[in-house]
Amino acid sequence: MPGMGGVSLFEGIVETDRWFGPLFTNMRFTRSHMPVRFRADYPLVLAQPVQRSAYANGTLDSMDIARGLDALSPADWQAYETTIVEPNTRPNRPFGAYATDTRKKRHACMREHDSVEA
């Protein structure tokens, strides 16, 4: 969704197990020479539940860093080829292919999980 002109919205995390109060958002106004219009049908806030473990120090500190191109494995290079190089050889490709593929994989995983439970 394109951004609203004249204002920038900020991101943040509200830890709901520690915060009991109204939700708020910070805005930075970027136009001082003209009015900024807020529309009732345009979202200002997006709430996305995130488990605390996803941004815990143990999770964030557990990634590996490859130092230099020689540290990349053949599998790394194949992933780069698949996700970056190959799609860019097709300038008229439909946008959103990665998101579509990810949703299909998630739905397939959910169907597989449901069939195991049944």
Protein backbone atom coordinates (compact mmCIF):
# COMPACT_ATOMS: atom_id res chain seq x y z
CA MET A 1 0.00 0.00 0.00
CA PRO A 2 1.47 3.38 -0.90
CA GLY A 3 2.33 5.63 1.98
CA MET A 4 0.19 8.55 3.01
CA GLY A 5 1.66 11.81 1.77
CA GLY A 6 3.02 14.23 4.32
CA VAL A 7 3.42 11.86 7.23
CA SER A 8 5.74 8.96 8.15
CA LEU A 9 4.59 6.29 10.57
CA PHE A 10 6.95 4.55 12.97
CA GLU A 11 7.17 0.89 13.93
CA GLY A 12 7.45 -0.56 17.38
CA ILE A 13 6.73 -3.53 19.59
CA VAL A 14 4.17 -3.40 22.37
CA GLU A 15 4.71 -6.19 24.88
CA THR A 16 1.13 -6.86 25.86
CA ASP A 17 2.11 -8.94 28.88
CA ARG A 18 3.74 -5.79 30.29
CA TRP A 19 1.63 -2.99 28.80
CA PHE A 20 -1.96 -2.39 29.77
CA GLY A 21 -3.22 0.75 28.21
CA PRO A 22 -4.26 2.27 24.93
CA LEU A 23 -2.31 1.58 21.76
CA PHE A 24 -0.72 4.60 20.17
CA THR A 25 1.45 5.45 17.21
CA ASN A 26 4.08 8.07 16.59
CA MET A 27 3.96 10.13 13.42
CA ARG A 28 6.49 12.41 11.81
CA PHE A 29 4.99 15.15 9.69
CA THR A 30 7.09 15.78 6.60
CA ARG A 31 5.20 18.70 5.03
CA SER A 32 5.04 21.99 6.85
CA HIS A 33 3.75 23.97 3.87
CA MET A 34 0.44 22.19 3.28
CA PRO A 35 -2.29 20.30 5.14
CA VAL A 36 -2.07 16.55 5.72
CA ARG A 37 -5.37 14.76 5.23
CA PHE A 38 -6.24 11.65 7.22
CA ARG A 39 -8.78 9.32 5.66
CA ALA A 40 -11.13 7.10 7.63
CA ASP A 41 -10.56 4.24 5.16
CA TYR A 42 -6.73 4.37 5.30
CA PRO A 43 -5.01 2.40 8.09
CA LEU A 44 -2.64 4.21 10.43
CA VAL A 45 -1.73 1.21 12.58
CA LEU A 46 -1.09 -2.46 11.82
CA ALA A 47 -1.10 -4.86 14.74
CA GLN A 48 0.86 -8.09 14.20
CA PRO A 49 1.21 -10.64 17.00
CA VAL A 50 4.83 -11.72 17.47
CA GLN A 51 5.98 -14.26 20.04
CA ARG A 52 8.56 -12.86 22.43
CA SER A 53 10.95 -15.69 21.52
CA ALA A 54 11.14 -14.33 17.94
CA TYR A 55 12.95 -11.19 19.09
CA ALA A 56 14.65 -12.51 22.23
CA ASN A 57 18.40 -11.95 22.51
CA GLY A 58 19.04 -15.69 22.29
CA THR A 59 17.26 -15.82 18.93
CA LEU A 60 18.76 -12.64 17.53
CA ASP A 61 22.29 -13.55 18.65
CA SER A 62 22.17 -17.10 17.24
CA MET A 63 22.70 -16.28 13.58
CA ASP A 64 25.83 -17.18 11.68
CA ILE A 65 27.70 -14.57 9.68
CA ALA A 66 29.57 -15.61 6.55
CA ARG A 67 32.80 -13.62 6.30
CA GLY A 68 33.63 -13.12 2.64
CA LEU A 69 32.27 -14.74 -0.50
CA ASP A 70 34.42 -17.85 -0.02
CA ALA A 71 32.44 -18.68 3.12
CA LEU A 72 29.25 -19.20 1.09
CA SER A 73 28.39 -22.81 0.33
CA PRO A 74 27.14 -24.17 -3.01
CA ALA A 75 23.65 -24.30 -1.45
CA ASP A 76 23.95 -20.59 -0.57
CA TRP A 77 24.90 -19.75 -4.15
CA GLN A 78 22.02 -21.85 -5.50
CA ALA A 79 19.58 -20.02 -3.22
CA TYR A 80 20.99 -16.69 -4.46
CA GLU A 81 20.59 -17.84 -8.07
CA THR A 82 17.00 -18.96 -7.45
CA THR A 83 15.77 -15.94 -5.50
CA ILE A 84 17.80 -13.05 -6.98
CA VAL A 85 19.43 -13.83 -10.32
CA GLU A 86 16.82 -15.95 -12.11
CA PRO A 87 13.77 -13.75 -11.35
CA ASN A 88 15.66 -10.69 -12.59
CA THR A 89 16.24 -12.33 -15.98
CA ARG A 90 12.46 -11.96 -16.50
CA PRO A 91 11.74 -8.20 -16.38
CA ASN A 92 8.02 -8.71 -17.11
CA ARG A 93 7.50 -11.31 -14.39
CA PRO A 94 4.43 -10.89 -12.16
CA PHE A 95 5.19 -9.14 -8.90
CA GLY A 96 4.60 -10.95 -5.61
CA ALA A 97 5.82 -14.39 -6.71
CA TYR A 98 7.79 -14.90 -3.49
CA ALA A 99 4.76 -14.02 -1.34
CA THR A 100 2.49 -16.29 -3.39
CA ASP A 101 4.94 -19.19 -3.17
CA THR A 102 5.34 -18.69 0.59
CA ARG A 103 1.56 -18.71 1.13
CA LYS A 104 1.18 -21.88 -0.96
CA LYS A 105 3.89 -23.63 1.07
CA ARG A 106 2.27 -22.53 4.34
CA HIS A 107 -1.15 -23.78 3.23
CA ALA A 108 0.34 -27.10 2.09
CA CYS A 109 2.04 -27.46 5.48
CA MET A 110 -1.25 -26.70 7.26
CA ARG A 111 -3.11 -29.28 5.14
CA GLU A 112 -0.40 -31.86 5.89
CA HIS A 113 -0.62 -31.06 9.61
CA ASP A 114 -4.43 -31.37 9.56
CA SER A 115 -4.27 -34.76 7.80
CA VAL A 116 -1.79 -36.09 10.39
CA GLU A 117 -4.09 -35.06 13.25
CA ALA A 118 -7.16 -36.65 11.64
